[in-house]
Each structure stands twice: as C-alpha cells, then as structure tokens.
Amino acid sequence: MGATLEDIANKVAQVSDIYAARNDIRRDDDWFALKLQEEAGELIAEHLRLSGRGRTKGQRRDEITAARDDEAADLLAMLLLYCRHNGIDIEAALERKWFRYLEPAA
C-alpha cells in the first residue's frame, strides 16, 4: 500500500522542521507563501533549460531533467506545507474543485 497524501505531508513537515532549526529560519505566513513562489520559479527555470530557452550551464540533459524533477518535488512539498500551515484540507478541496467532475451526471 502506498503512502497517503497525509503521510507525505507529515514527512515533509518533519524535514521542514529540521531545515528550519538547522538554518535558524522563522517560518511565518509570508515565508510559506513566498517559498511557493520561489519554488515555482525554480521549476520554471529548469523547464526553460530543458526546452532550450535557458542556459544549460554545462549540464547534460539527464542532469537538467533530474533538477527539474527535484524542483517539482520542492514545489509540491512547499504546497503541502502551505496547506498545513493555513489549515487547508487539500484533499477536501480537490474533491470539491476537481473531482466533482468525475461524478456521474444526474
């Protein structure tokens, strides 16, 4: 059985707590929101490098692909942290916003 979204969010929170303690980072409302923006920007930068619209910095395509994948993980992790910090039940929001379209039409 695979990990649930809650399991993943809990692991991400543990890593974030370790990172914040080691680097003396105060995580307030703005920090969670701004980190989302930062990680989105880093993901886009790697996407642009893969699509030939950014400098490769001497890296091979597989290295850039790995960097892109890592940035996608960072963005997802930060989204989970943002949701946790703000009391957002992301699973309920997905059900309400997205998955309702999977319901059979009446």
PDB file of N, CA and C in Angstrom:
ATOM      1  N   MET A   1       0.842  -1.184   0.000  1.00  0.00           N
ATOM      2  CA  MET A   1       0.000   0.000   0.000  1.00  0.00           C
ATOM      3  C   MET A   1       0.883   1.243   0.000  1.00  0.00           C
ATOM      4  N   GLY A   2       0.593   2.187  -0.865  1.00  0.00           N
ATOM      5  CA  GLY A   2       1.389   3.397  -0.993  1.00  0.00           C
ATOM      6  C   GLY A   2       1.077   4.418   0.093  1.00  0.00           C
ATOM      7  N   ALA A   3       1.929   5.407   0.183  1.00  0.00           N
ATOM      8  CA  ALA A   3       1.747   6.479   1.160  1.00  0.00           C
ATOM      9  C   ALA A   3       0.557   7.347   0.775  1.00  0.00           C
ATOM     10  N   THR A   4      -0.151   7.809   1.778  1.00  0.00           N
ATOM     11  CA  THR A   4      -1.248   8.740   1.548  1.00  0.00           C
ATOM     12  C   THR A   4      -0.688  10.156   1.444  1.00  0.00           C
ATOM     13  N   LEU A   5      -1.504  11.071   0.978  1.00  0.00           N
ATOM     14  CA  LEU A   5      -1.096  12.472   0.917  1.00  0.00           C
ATOM     15  C   LEU A   5      -0.778  12.986   2.323  1.00  0.00           C
ATOM     16  N   GLU A   6      -1.535  12.545   3.302  1.00  0.00           N
ATOM     17  CA  GLU A   6      -1.269  12.946   4.690  1.00  0.00           C
ATOM     18  C   GLU A   6       0.073  12.406   5.172  1.00  0.00           C
ATOM     19  N   ASP A   7       0.395  11.158   4.823  1.00  0.00           N
ATOM     20  CA  ASP A   7       1.699  10.585   5.181  1.00  0.00           C
ATOM     21  C   ASP A   7       2.831  11.418   4.589  1.00  0.00           C
ATOM     22  N   ILE A   8       2.682  11.773   3.339  1.00  0.00           N
ATOM     23  CA  ILE A   8       3.710  12.566   2.652  1.00  0.00           C
ATOM     24  C   ILE A   8       3.826  13.939   3.300  1.00  0.00           C
ATOM     25  N   ALA A   9       2.689  14.568   3.583  1.00  0.00           N
ATOM     26  CA  ALA A   9       2.696  15.889   4.228  1.00  0.00           C
ATOM     27  C   ALA A   9       3.385  15.834   5.583  1.00  0.00           C
ATOM     28  N   ASN A  10       3.160  14.767   6.330  1.00  0.00           N
ATOM     29  CA  ASN A  10       3.806  14.626   7.639  1.00  0.00           C
ATOM     30  C   ASN A  10       5.321  14.504   7.505  1.00  0.00           C
ATOM     31  N   LYS A  11       5.778  13.736   6.534  1.00  0.00           N
ATOM     32  CA  LYS A  11       7.226  13.601   6.306  1.00  0.00           C
ATOM     33  C   LYS A  11       7.832  14.934   5.867  1.00  0.00           C
ATOM     34  N   VAL A  12       7.137  15.619   4.978  1.00  0.00           N
ATOM     35  CA  VAL A  12       7.606  16.927   4.503  1.00  0.00           C
ATOM     36  C   VAL A  12       7.712  17.895   5.688  1.00  0.00           C
ATOM     37  N   ALA A  13       6.731  17.882   6.571  1.00  0.00           N
ATOM     38  CA  ALA A  13       6.749  18.767   7.736  1.00  0.00           C
ATOM     39  C   ALA A  13       7.937  18.448   8.642  1.00  0.00           C
ATOM     40  N   GLN A  14       8.250  17.179   8.801  1.00  0.00           N
ATOM     41  CA  GLN A  14       9.395  16.793   9.624  1.00  0.00           C
ATOM     42  C   GLN A  14      10.693  17.328   9.035  1.00  0.00           C
ATOM     43  N   VAL A  15      10.851  17.176   7.730  1.00  0.00           N
ATOM     44  CA  VAL A  15      12.058  17.674   7.063  1.00  0.00           C
ATOM     45  C   VAL A  15      12.126  19.196   7.165  1.00  0.00           C
ATOM     46  N   SER A  16      10.996  19.860   6.973  1.00  0.00           N
ATOM     47  CA  SER A  16      10.956  21.320   7.060  1.00  0.00           C
ATOM     48  C   SER A  16      11.331  21.798   8.459  1.00  0.00           C
ATOM     49  N   ASP A  17      10.860  21.094   9.481  1.00  0.00           N
ATOM     50  CA  ASP A  17      11.215  21.456  10.857  1.00  0.00           C
ATOM     51  C   ASP A  17      12.718  21.330  11.085  1.00  0.00           C
ATOM     52  N   ILE A  18      13.311  20.259  10.585  1.00  0.00           N
ATOM     53  CA  ILE A  18      14.758  20.058  10.710  1.00  0.00           C
ATOM     54  C   ILE A  18      15.507  21.183   9.993  1.00  0.00           C
ATOM     55  N   TYR A  19      15.094  21.477   8.755  1.00  0.00           N
ATOM     56  CA  TYR A  19      15.733  22.521   7.947  1.00  0.00           C
ATOM     57  C   TYR A  19      15.643  23.879   8.643  1.00  0.00           C
ATOM     58  N   ALA A  20      14.458  24.204   9.158  1.00  0.00           N
ATOM     59  CA  ALA A  20      14.271  25.495   9.828  1.00  0.00           C
ATOM     60  C   ALA A  20      15.140  25.606  11.076  1.00  0.00           C
ATOM     61  N   ALA A  21      15.216  24.533  11.850  1.00  0.00           N
ATOM     62  CA  ALA A  21      16.026  24.546  13.069  1.00  0.00           C
ATOM     63  C   ALA A  21      17.515  24.681  12.733  1.00  0.00           C
ATOM     64  N   ARG A  22      17.977  23.942  11.750  1.00  0.00           N
ATOM     65  CA  ARG A  22      19.403  23.969  11.389  1.00  0.00           C
ATOM     66  C   ARG A  22      19.830  25.313  10.813  1.00  0.00           C
ATOM     67  N   ASN A  23      18.903  25.993  10.152  1.00  0.00           N
ATOM     68  CA  ASN A  23      19.241  27.247   9.466  1.00  0.00           C
ATOM     69  C   ASN A  23      18.653  28.479  10.135  1.00  0.00           C
ATOM     70  N   ASP A  24      18.088  28.300  11.336  1.00  0.00           N
ATOM     71  CA  ASP A  24      17.525  29.401  12.109  1.00  0.00           C
ATOM     72  C   ASP A  24      16.536  30.228  11.272  1.00  0.00           C
ATOM     73  N   ILE A  25      15.595  29.527  10.661  1.00  0.00           N
ATOM     74  CA  ILE A  25      14.600  30.172   9.806  1.00  0.00           C
ATOM     75  C   ILE A  25      13.284  30.301  10.559  1.00  0.00           C
ATOM     76  N   ARG A  26      12.757  31.522  10.574  1.00  0.00           N
ATOM     77  CA  ARG A  26      11.452  31.774  11.169  1.00  0.00           C
ATOM     78  C   ARG A  26      10.415  31.646  10.063  1.00  0.00           C
ATOM     79  N   ARG A  27       9.557  30.654  10.187  1.00  0.00           N
ATOM     80  CA  ARG A  27       8.555  30.388   9.159  1.00  0.00           C
ATOM     81  C   ARG A  27       7.222  31.024   9.575  1.00  0.00           C
ATOM     82  N   ASP A  28       6.926  32.169   8.960  1.00  0.00           N
ATOM     83  CA  ASP A  28       5.662  32.838   9.233  1.00  0.00           C
ATOM     84  C   ASP A  28       4.763  32.737   8.004  1.00  0.00           C
ATOM     85  N   ASP A  29       3.614  33.390   8.053  1.00  0.00           N
ATOM     86  CA  ASP A  29       2.669  33.321   6.933  1.00  0.00           C
ATOM     87  C   ASP A  29       3.324  33.694   5.609  1.00  0.00           C
ATOM     88  N   ASP A  30       4.091  34.773   5.611  1.00  0.00           N
ATOM     89  CA  ASP A  30       4.745  35.217   4.376  1.00  0.00           C
ATOM     90  C   ASP A  30       5.759  34.199   3.879  1.00  0.00           C
ATOM     91  N   TRP A  31       6.513  33.596   4.791  1.00  0.00           N
ATOM     92  CA  TRP A  31       7.533  32.633   4.386  1.00  0.00           C
ATOM     93  C   TRP A  31       6.913  31.499   3.588  1.00  0.00           C
ATOM     94  N   PHE A  32       5.800  30.943   4.086  1.00  0.00           N
ATOM     95  CA  PHE A  32       5.159  29.828   3.389  1.00  0.00           C
ATOM     96  C   PHE A  32       4.685  30.259   1.994  1.00  0.00           C
ATOM     97  N   ALA A  33       4.095  31.441   1.877  1.00  0.00           N
ATOM     98  CA  ALA A  33       3.610  31.919   0.579  1.00  0.00           C
ATOM     99  C   ALA A  33       4.768  32.231  -0.369  1.00  0.00           C
ATOM    100  N   LEU A  34       5.780  32.906   0.134  1.00  0.00           N
ATOM    101  CA  LEU A  34       6.900  33.287  -0.725  1.00  0.00           C
ATOM    102  C   LEU A  34       7.723  32.092  -1.174  1.00  0.00           C
ATOM    103  N   LYS A  35       7.844  31.074  -0.326  1.00  0.00           N
ATOM    104  CA  LYS A  35       8.564  29.872  -0.732  1.00  0.00           C
ATOM    105  C   LYS A  35       7.847  29.161  -1.878  1.00  0.00           C
ATOM    106  N   LEU A  36       6.516  29.222  -1.894  1.00  0.00           N
ATOM    107  CA  LEU A  36       5.777  28.664  -3.034  1.00  0.00           C
ATOM    108  C   LEU A  36       6.210  29.352  -4.323  1.00  0.00           C
ATOM    109  N   GLN A  37       6.278  30.672  -4.280  1.00  0.00           N
ATOM    110  CA  GLN A  37       6.679  31.439  -5.459  1.00  0.00           C
ATOM    111  C   GLN A  37       8.112  31.117  -5.862  1.00  0.00           C
ATOM    112  N   GLU A  38       8.995  31.030  -4.887  1.00  0.00           N
ATOM    113  CA  GLU A  38      10.394  30.717  -5.168  1.00  0.00           C
ATOM    114  C   GLU A  38      10.522  29.361  -5.862  1.00  0.00           C
ATOM    115  N   GLU A  39       9.864  28.363  -5.306  1.00  0.00           N
ATOM    116  CA  GLU A  39       9.967  27.017  -5.881  1.00  0.00           C
ATOM    117  C   GLU A  39       9.316  26.938  -7.258  1.00  0.00           C
ATOM    118  N   ALA A  40       8.223  27.655  -7.453  1.00  0.00           N
ATOM    119  CA  ALA A  40       7.596  27.687  -8.792  1.00  0.00           C
ATOM    120  C   ALA A  40       8.568  28.292  -9.805  1.00  0.00           C
ATOM    121  N   GLY A  41       9.250  29.347  -9.412  1.00  0.00           N
ATOM    122  CA  GLY A  41      10.227  29.973 -10.296  1.00  0.00           C
ATOM    123  C   GLY A  41      11.377  29.042 -10.643  1.00  0.00           C
ATOM    124  N   GLU A  42      11.845  28.290  -9.651  1.00  0.00           N
ATOM    125  CA  GLU A  42      12.938  27.350  -9.903  1.00  0.00           C
ATOM    126  C   GLU A  42      12.495  26.213 -10.822  1.00  0.00           C
ATOM    127  N   LEU A  43      11.266  25.763 -10.679  1.00  0.00           N
ATOM    128  CA  LEU A  43      10.735  24.732 -11.579  1.00  0.00           C
ATOM    129  C   LEU A  43      10.654  25.259 -13.008  1.00  0.00           C
ATOM    130  N   ILE A  44      10.173  26.474 -13.159  1.00  0.00           N
ATOM    131  CA  ILE A  44      10.067  27.075 -14.497  1.00  0.00           C
ATOM    132  C   ILE A  44      11.452  27.263 -15.111  1.00  0.00           C
ATOM    133  N   ALA A  45      12.428  27.651 -14.310  1.00  0.00           N
ATOM    134  CA  ALA A  45      13.794  27.829 -14.829  1.00  0.00           C
ATOM    135  C   ALA A  45      14.329  26.514 -15.398  1.00  0.00           C
ATOM    136  N   GLU A  46      14.086  25.419 -14.702  1.00  0.00           N
ATOM    137  CA  GLU A  46      14.548  24.121 -15.202  1.00  0.00           C
ATOM    138  C   GLU A  46      13.759  23.702 -16.438  1.00  0.00           C
ATOM    139  N   HIS A  47      12.485  24.000 -16.463  1.00  0.00           N
ATOM    140  CA  HIS A  47      11.667  23.714 -17.646  1.00  0.00           C
ATOM    141  C   HIS A  47      12.221  24.466 -18.863  1.00  0.00           C
ATOM    142  N   LEU A  48      12.557  25.721 -18.654  1.00  0.00           N
ATOM    143  CA  LEU A  48      13.102  26.521 -19.756  1.00  0.00           C
ATOM    144  C   LEU A  48      14.444  25.962 -20.225  1.00  0.00           C
ATOM    145  N   ARG A  49      15.268  25.504 -19.300  1.00  0.00           N
ATOM    146  CA  ARG A  49      16.551  24.906 -19.700  1.00  0.00           C
ATOM    147  C   ARG A  49      16.311  23.651 -20.523  1.00  0.00           C
ATOM    148  N   LEU A  50      15.340  22.845 -20.118  1.00  0.00           N
ATOM    149  CA  LEU A  50      15.043  21.615 -20.875  1.00  0.00           C
ATOM    150  C   LEU A  50      14.486  21.917 -22.258  1.00  0.00           C
ATOM    151  N   SER A  51      13.782  23.021 -22.384  1.00  0.00           N
ATOM    152  CA  SER A  51      13.168  23.346 -23.670  1.00  0.00           C
ATOM    153  C   SER A  51      14.080  24.185 -24.561  1.00  0.00           C
ATOM    154  N   GLY A  52      15.342  24.356 -24.135  1.00  0.00           N
ATOM    155  CA  GLY A  52      16.307  25.092 -24.954  1.00  0.00           C
ATOM    156  C   GLY A  52      16.175  26.591 -24.848  1.00  0.00           C
ATOM    157  N   ARG A  53      15.422  27.079 -23.859  1.00  0.00           N
ATOM    158  CA  ARG A  53      15.241  28.520 -23.708  1.00  0.00           C
ATOM    159  C   ARG A  53      15.912  29.049 -22.444  1.00  0.00           C
ATOM    160  N   GLY A  54      16.876  28.285 -21.948  1.00  0.00           N
ATOM    161  CA  GLY A  54      17.648  28.705 -20.787  1.00  0.00           C
ATOM    162  C   GLY A  54      19.045  28.120 -20.888  1.00  0.00           C
ATOM    163  N   ARG A  55      19.991  28.723 -20.195  1.00  0.00           N
ATOM    164  CA  ARG A  55      21.377  28.255 -20.222  1.00  0.00           C
ATOM    165  C   ARG A  55      21.486  26.883 -19.578  1.00  0.00           C
ATOM    166  N   THR A  56      22.233  26.008 -20.211  1.00  0.00           N
ATOM    167  CA  THR A  56      22.408  24.654 -19.666  1.00  0.00           C
ATOM    168  C   THR A  56      23.488  24.601 -18.594  1.00  0.00           C
ATOM    169  N   LYS A  57      24.324  25.617 -18.519  1.00  0.00           N
ATOM    170  CA  LYS A  57      25.387  25.697 -17.514  1.00  0.00           C
ATOM    171  C   LYS A  57      26.290  24.466 -17.568  1.00  0.00           C
ATOM    172  N   GLY A  58      26.453  23.918 -18.782  1.00  0.00           N
ATOM    173  CA  GLY A  58      27.322  22.772 -18.972  1.00  0.00           C
ATOM    174  C   GLY A  58      26.747  21.447 -18.496  1.00  0.00           C
ATOM    175  N   GLN A  59      25.479  21.441 -18.124  1.00  0.00           N
ATOM    176  CA  GLN A  59      24.863  20.201 -17.653  1.00  0.00           C
ATOM    177  C   GLN A  59      24.268  19.407 -18.807  1.00  0.00           C
ATOM    178  N   ARG A  60      24.309  18.093 -18.640  1.00  0.00           N
ATOM    179  CA  ARG A  60      23.686  17.206 -19.617  1.00  0.00           C
ATOM    180  C   ARG A  60      22.170  17.248 -19.444  1.00  0.00           C
ATOM    181  N   ARG A  61      21.474  16.785 -20.469  1.00  0.00           N
ATOM    182  CA  ARG A  61      20.011  16.770 -20.437  1.00  0.00           C
ATOM    183  C   ARG A  61      19.476  15.961 -19.254  1.00  0.00           C
ATOM    184  N   ASP A  62      20.091  14.813 -18.961  1.00  0.00           N
ATOM    185  CA  ASP A  62      19.606  13.999 -17.839  1.00  0.00           C
ATOM    186  C   ASP A  62      19.807  14.705 -16.498  1.00  0.00           C
ATOM    187  N   GLU A  63      20.853  15.505 -16.384  1.00  0.00           N
ATOM    188  CA  GLU A  63      21.074  16.272 -15.151  1.00  0.00           C
ATOM    189  C   GLU A  63      20.029  17.385 -15.013  1.00  0.00           C
ATOM    190  N   ILE A  64      19.714  18.019 -16.110  1.00  0.00           N
ATOM    191  CA  ILE A  64      18.691  19.071 -16.082  1.00  0.00           C
ATOM    192  C   ILE A  64      17.321  18.459 -15.794  1.00  0.00           C
ATOM    193  N   THR A  65      17.053  17.296 -16.375  1.00  0.00           N
ATOM    194  CA  THR A  65      15.792  16.602 -16.106  1.00  0.00           C
ATOM    195  C   THR A  65      15.675  16.271 -14.623  1.00  0.00           C
ATOM    196  N   ALA A  66      16.756  15.776 -14.032  1.00  0.00           N
ATOM    197  CA  ALA A  66      16.747  15.465 -12.602  1.00  0.00           C
ATOM    198  C   ALA A  66      16.520  16.728 -11.772  1.00  0.00           C
ATOM    199  N   ALA A  67      17.142  17.834 -12.187  1.00  0.00           N
ATOM    200  CA  ALA A  67      16.959  19.102 -11.474  1.00  0.00           C
ATOM    201  C   ALA A  67      15.503  19.570 -11.591  1.00  0.00           C
ATOM    202  N   ARG A  68      14.917  19.425 -12.770  1.00  0.00           N
ATOM    203  CA  ARG A  68      13.508  19.781 -12.958  1.00  0.00           C
ATOM    204  C   ARG A  68      12.616  18.945 -12.055  1.00  0.00           C
ATOM    205  N   ASP A  69      12.879  17.644 -12.023  1.00  0.00           N
ATOM    206  CA  ASP A  69      12.088  16.743 -11.185  1.00  0.00           C
ATOM    207  C   ASP A  69      12.208  17.116  -9.706  1.00  0.00           C
ATOM    208  N   ASP A  70      13.428  17.449  -9.286  1.00  0.00           N
ATOM    209  CA  ASP A  70      13.650  17.851  -7.896  1.00  0.00           C
ATOM    210  C   ASP A  70      12.903  19.136  -7.566  1.00  0.00           C
ATOM    211  N   GLU A  71      12.870  20.065  -8.513  1.00  0.00           N
ATOM    212  CA  GLU A  71      12.147  21.315  -8.280  1.00  0.00           C
ATOM    213  C   GLU A  71      10.630  21.077  -8.211  1.00  0.00           C
ATOM    214  N   ALA A  72      10.134  20.122  -8.996  1.00  0.00           N
ATOM    215  CA  ALA A  72       8.709  19.763  -8.897  1.00  0.00           C
ATOM    216  C   ALA A  72       8.418  19.202  -7.504  1.00  0.00           C
ATOM    217  N   ALA A  73       9.338  18.389  -6.981  1.00  0.00           N
ATOM    218  CA  ALA A  73       9.173  17.857  -5.624  1.00  0.00           C
ATOM    219  C   ALA A  73       9.195  18.981  -4.597  1.00  0.00           C
ATOM    220  N   ASP A  74      10.093  19.944  -4.782  1.00  0.00           N
ATOM    221  CA  ASP A  74      10.155  21.085  -3.863  1.00  0.00           C
ATOM    222  C   ASP A  74       8.847  21.866  -3.878  1.00  0.00           C
ATOM    223  N   LEU A  75       8.307  22.090  -5.066  1.00  0.00           N
ATOM    224  CA  LEU A  75       7.066  22.853  -5.171  1.00  0.00           C
ATOM    225  C   LEU A  75       5.912  22.116  -4.500  1.00  0.00           C
ATOM    226  N   LEU A  76       5.807  20.821  -4.734  1.00  0.00           N
ATOM    227  CA  LEU A  76       4.748  20.040  -4.091  1.00  0.00           C
ATOM    228  C   LEU A  76       4.919  20.058  -2.577  1.00  0.00           C
ATOM    229  N   ALA A  77       6.146  19.887  -2.113  1.00  0.00           N
ATOM    230  CA  ALA A  77       6.406  19.902  -0.675  1.00  0.00           C
ATOM    231  C   ALA A  77       5.999  21.240  -0.068  1.00  0.00           C
ATOM    232  N   MET A  78       6.358  22.327  -0.738  1.00  0.00           N
ATOM    233  CA  MET A  78       6.000  23.647  -0.213  1.00  0.00           C
ATOM    234  C   MET A  78       4.492  23.867  -0.246  1.00  0.00           C
ATOM    235  N   LEU A  79       3.812  23.348  -1.257  1.00  0.00           N
ATOM    236  CA  LEU A  79       2.356  23.465  -1.287  1.00  0.00           C
ATOM    237  C   LEU A  79       1.742  22.719  -0.108  1.00  0.00           C
ATOM    238  N   LEU A  80       2.255  21.530   0.183  1.00  0.00           N
ATOM    239  CA  LEU A  80       1.748  20.765   1.325  1.00  0.00           C
ATOM    240  C   LEU A  80       2.015  21.506   2.629  1.00  0.00           C
ATOM    241  N   LEU A  81       3.180  22.122   2.756  1.00  0.00           N
ATOM    242  CA  LEU A  81       3.484  22.901   3.955  1.00  0.00           C
ATOM    243  C   LEU A  81       2.584  24.124   4.065  1.00  0.00           C
ATOM    244  N   TYR A  82       2.357  24.793   2.950  1.00  0.00           N
ATOM    245  CA  TYR A  82       1.471  25.966   2.927  1.00  0.00           C
ATOM    246  C   TYR A  82       0.069  25.570   3.389  1.00  0.00           C
ATOM    247  N   CYS A  83      -0.430  24.471   2.852  1.00  0.00           N
ATOM    248  CA  CYS A  83      -1.761  23.994   3.225  1.00  0.00           C
ATOM    249  C   CYS A  83      -1.814  23.648   4.708  1.00  0.00           C
ATOM    250  N   ARG A  84      -0.826  22.946   5.182  1.00  0.00           N
ATOM    251  CA  ARG A  84      -0.770  22.548   6.593  1.00  0.00           C
ATOM    252  C   ARG A  84      -0.753  23.786   7.489  1.00  0.00           C
ATOM    253  N   HIS A  85       0.080  24.759   7.150  1.00  0.00           N
ATOM    254  CA  HIS A  85       0.218  25.984   7.945  1.00  0.00           C
ATOM    255  C   HIS A  85      -1.090  26.773   7.994  1.00  0.00           C
ATOM    256  N   ASN A  86      -1.817  26.764   6.895  1.00  0.00           N
ATOM    257  CA  ASN A  86      -3.041  27.566   6.786  1.00  0.00           C
ATOM    258  C   ASN A  86      -4.318  26.778   7.044  1.00  0.00           C
ATOM    259  N   GLY A  87      -4.188  25.544   7.485  1.00  0.00           N
ATOM    260  CA  GLY A  87      -5.362  24.750   7.818  1.00  0.00           C
ATOM    261  C   GLY A  87      -6.209  24.373   6.619  1.00  0.00           C
ATOM    262  N   ILE A  88      -5.581  24.228   5.470  1.00  0.00           N
ATOM    263  CA  ILE A  88      -6.292  23.857   4.242  1.00  0.00           C
ATOM    264  C   ILE A  88      -6.329  22.339   4.132  1.00  0.00           C
ATOM    265  N   ASP A  89      -7.519  21.795   4.017  1.00  0.00           N
ATOM    266  CA  ASP A  89      -7.668  20.358   3.771  1.00  0.00           C
ATOM    267  C   ASP A  89      -7.611  20.181   2.259  1.00  0.00           C
ATOM    268  N   ILE A  90      -6.415  19.930   1.760  1.00  0.00           N
ATOM    269  CA  ILE A  90      -6.215  19.893   0.313  1.00  0.00           C
ATOM    270  C   ILE A  90      -6.975  18.749  -0.336  1.00  0.00           C
ATOM    271  N   GLU A  91      -7.130  17.655   0.376  1.00  0.00           N
ATOM    272  CA  GLU A  91      -7.893  16.540  -0.193  1.00  0.00           C
ATOM    273  C   GLU A  91      -9.360  16.929  -0.364  1.00  0.00           C
ATOM    274  N   ALA A  92      -9.929  17.602   0.626  1.00  0.00           N
ATOM    275  CA  ALA A  92     -11.320  18.058   0.517  1.00  0.00           C
ATOM    276  C   ALA A  92     -11.458  19.102  -0.595  1.00  0.00           C
ATOM    277  N   ALA A  93     -10.476  19.974  -0.700  1.00  0.00           N
ATOM    278  CA  ALA A  93     -10.518  20.998  -1.750  1.00  0.00           C
ATOM    279  C   ALA A  93     -10.427  20.363  -3.140  1.00  0.00           C
ATOM    280  N   LEU A  94      -9.589  19.331  -3.275  1.00  0.00           N
ATOM    281  CA  LEU A  94      -9.513  18.619  -4.556  1.00  0.00           C
ATOM    282  C   LEU A  94     -10.846  17.957  -4.896  1.00  0.00           C
ATOM    283  N   GLU A  95     -11.447  17.340  -3.906  1.00  0.00           N
ATOM    284  CA  GLU A  95     -12.764  16.713  -4.131  1.00  0.00           C
ATOM    285  C   GLU A  95     -13.770  17.748  -4.601  1.00  0.00           C
ATOM    286  N   ARG A  96     -13.802  18.891  -3.912  1.00  0.00           N
ATOM    287  CA  ARG A  96     -14.774  19.937  -4.213  1.00  0.00           C
ATOM    288  C   ARG A  96     -14.500  20.604  -5.567  1.00  0.00           C
ATOM    289  N   LYS A  97     -13.252  20.902  -5.838  1.00  0.00           N
ATOM    290  CA  LYS A  97     -12.905  21.709  -7.013  1.00  0.00           C
ATOM    291  C   LYS A  97     -12.677  20.874  -8.277  1.00  0.00           C
ATOM    292  N   TRP A  98     -12.035  19.727  -8.132  1.00  0.00           N
ATOM    293  CA  TRP A  98     -11.629  18.940  -9.295  1.00  0.00           C
ATOM    294  C   TRP A  98     -12.438  17.668  -9.479  1.00  0.00           C
ATOM    295  N   PHE A  99     -12.509  16.873  -8.446  1.00  0.00           N
ATOM    296  CA  PHE A  99     -13.036  15.526  -8.596  1.00  0.00           C
ATOM    297  C   PHE A  99     -14.550  15.476  -8.741  1.00  0.00           C
ATOM    298  N   ARG A 100     -15.224  16.595  -8.489  1.00  0.00           N
ATOM    299  CA  ARG A 100     -16.680  16.606  -8.690  1.00  0.00           C
ATOM    300  C   ARG A 100     -17.035  16.342 -10.153  1.00  0.00           C
ATOM    301  N   TYR A 101     -16.112  16.620 -11.037  1.00  0.00           N
ATOM    302  CA  TYR A 101     -16.363  16.367 -12.452  1.00  0.00           C
ATOM    303  C   TYR A 101     -16.339  14.875 -12.795  1.00  0.00           C
ATOM    304  N   LEU A 102     -15.844  14.096 -11.871  1.00  0.00           N
ATOM    305  CA  LEU A 102     -15.827  12.643 -12.074  1.00  0.00           C
ATOM    306  C   LEU A 102     -17.121  11.979 -11.651  1.00  0.00           C
ATOM    307  N   GLU A 103     -17.953  12.747 -10.987  1.00  0.00           N
ATOM    308  CA  GLU A 103     -19.256  12.212 -10.548  1.00  0.00           C
ATOM    309  C   GLU A 103     -20.132  11.974 -11.772  1.00  0.00           C
ATOM    310  N   PRO A 104     -20.885  10.907 -11.763  1.00  0.00           N
ATOM    311  CA  PRO A 104     -21.807  10.678 -12.877  1.00  0.00           C
ATOM    312  C   PRO A 104     -22.837  11.790 -12.969  1.00  0.00           C
ATOM    313  N   ALA A 105     -23.137  12.223 -14.167  1.00  0.00           N
ATOM    314  CA  ALA A 105     -24.135  13.277 -14.374  1.00  0.00           C
ATOM    315  C   ALA A 105     -25.503  12.764 -13.986  1.00  0.00           C
ATOM    316  N   ALA A 106     -26.271  13.628 -13.330  1.00  0.00           N
ATOM    317  CA  ALA A 106     -27.616  13.232 -12.889  1.00  0.00           C
ATOM    318  C   ALA A 106     -28.602  13.323 -14.028  1.00  0.00           C
TER     319      ALA A 106
END
